[in-house]
Amino acid sequence: MESQSRSIAKAVSYRILGSATTALIVYVLTGKATLSMGAGAADIVLKIGAYFVHERIWDRINYGREAKAPEYEI
């Protein structure tokens, strides 16, 4: 199981990259730096929360994980 702090760190680093991409796309399409920065900032705030919730839900789902071997005491 992943710790909550690890999930948070992953969410933040992923969102910085994703939000910078969003800001760049908005800038290329509109040529407006202020709009671009606003879109990037909104993207960070909204999607960090969504990603964190997504990670925590998937941490509870066993799909695709290998079963742990039982531990025996010797």
Protein backbone atom coordinates (compact mmCIF):
# COMPACT_ATOMS: atom_id res chain seq x y z
CA MET A 1 0.00 0.00 0.00
CA GLU A 2 1.26 3.46 -0.89
CA SER A 3 1.49 6.16 1.73
CA GLN A 4 -0.69 9.23 1.37
CA SER A 5 2.40 11.48 1.20
CA ARG A 6 3.74 9.46 -1.76
CA SER A 7 0.39 9.77 -3.55
CA ILE A 8 0.46 13.53 -2.93
CA ALA A 9 4.02 13.89 -4.25
CA LYS A 10 3.12 11.91 -7.39
CA ALA A 11 -0.01 14.00 -7.91
CA VAL A 12 1.89 17.29 -7.61
CA SER A 13 4.73 16.34 -9.95
CA TYR A 14 2.30 14.95 -12.53
CA ARG A 15 0.10 18.03 -12.38
CA ILE A 16 2.98 20.46 -12.80
CA LEU A 17 3.88 18.75 -16.04
CA GLY A 18 0.27 18.45 -17.19
CA SER A 19 -0.66 22.01 -16.26
CA ALA A 20 2.38 23.44 -18.00
CA THR A 21 1.27 21.56 -21.11
CA THR A 22 -2.27 22.94 -20.78
CA ALA A 23 -0.94 26.49 -20.34
CA LEU A 24 1.27 26.12 -23.41
CA ILE A 25 -1.62 24.83 -25.53
CA VAL A 26 -3.88 27.71 -24.42
CA TYR A 27 -1.11 30.20 -25.20
CA VAL A 28 -0.49 28.72 -28.66
CA LEU A 29 -4.23 28.80 -29.45
CA THR A 30 -5.00 32.27 -28.04
CA GLY A 31 -1.70 34.14 -27.83
CA LYS A 32 -2.83 35.47 -24.42
CA ALA A 33 -0.35 34.90 -21.60
CA THR A 34 -2.77 35.92 -18.83
CA LEU A 35 -5.45 33.50 -20.02
CA SER A 36 -2.80 30.81 -20.42
CA MET A 37 -1.52 31.23 -16.85
CA GLY A 38 -5.08 31.27 -15.48
CA ALA A 39 -5.95 28.07 -17.31
CA GLY A 40 -2.74 26.43 -16.07
CA ALA A 41 -3.44 27.49 -12.47
CA ALA A 42 -7.04 26.23 -12.56
CA ASP A 43 -5.82 22.99 -14.09
CA ILE A 44 -3.37 22.43 -11.22
CA VAL A 45 -5.89 23.06 -8.47
CA LEU A 46 -8.74 20.99 -9.89
CA LYS A 47 -6.79 18.06 -11.21
CA ILE A 48 -4.48 17.53 -8.22
CA GLY A 49 -7.55 16.75 -6.16
CA ALA A 50 -9.00 14.49 -8.84
CA TYR A 51 -5.72 12.61 -9.27
CA PHE A 52 -5.27 12.13 -5.52
CA VAL A 53 -8.77 10.67 -5.17
CA HIS A 54 -8.16 8.47 -8.22
CA GLU A 55 -4.91 7.11 -6.74
CA ARG A 56 -6.46 6.39 -3.35
CA ILE A 57 -9.37 4.52 -4.94
CA TRP A 58 -7.04 2.42 -7.12
CA ASP A 59 -4.86 1.65 -4.10
CA ARG A 60 -7.83 -0.26 -2.69
CA ILE A 61 -8.48 -2.25 -5.88
CA ASN A 62 -6.54 -5.48 -6.28
CA TYR A 63 -7.06 -5.75 -10.05
CA GLY A 64 -3.74 -6.49 -11.77
CA ARG A 65 -1.76 -7.02 -8.58
CA GLU A 66 -0.02 -10.26 -7.83
CA ALA A 67 -1.28 -12.02 -4.73
CA LYS A 68 1.10 -11.93 -1.79
CA ALA A 69 2.54 -15.27 -0.77
CA PRO A 70 1.56 -16.25 2.76
CA GLU A 71 4.22 -15.59 5.37
CA TYR A 72 5.23 -18.57 7.48
CA GLU A 73 7.06 -18.46 10.74
CA ILE A 74 9.92 -20.90 11.11
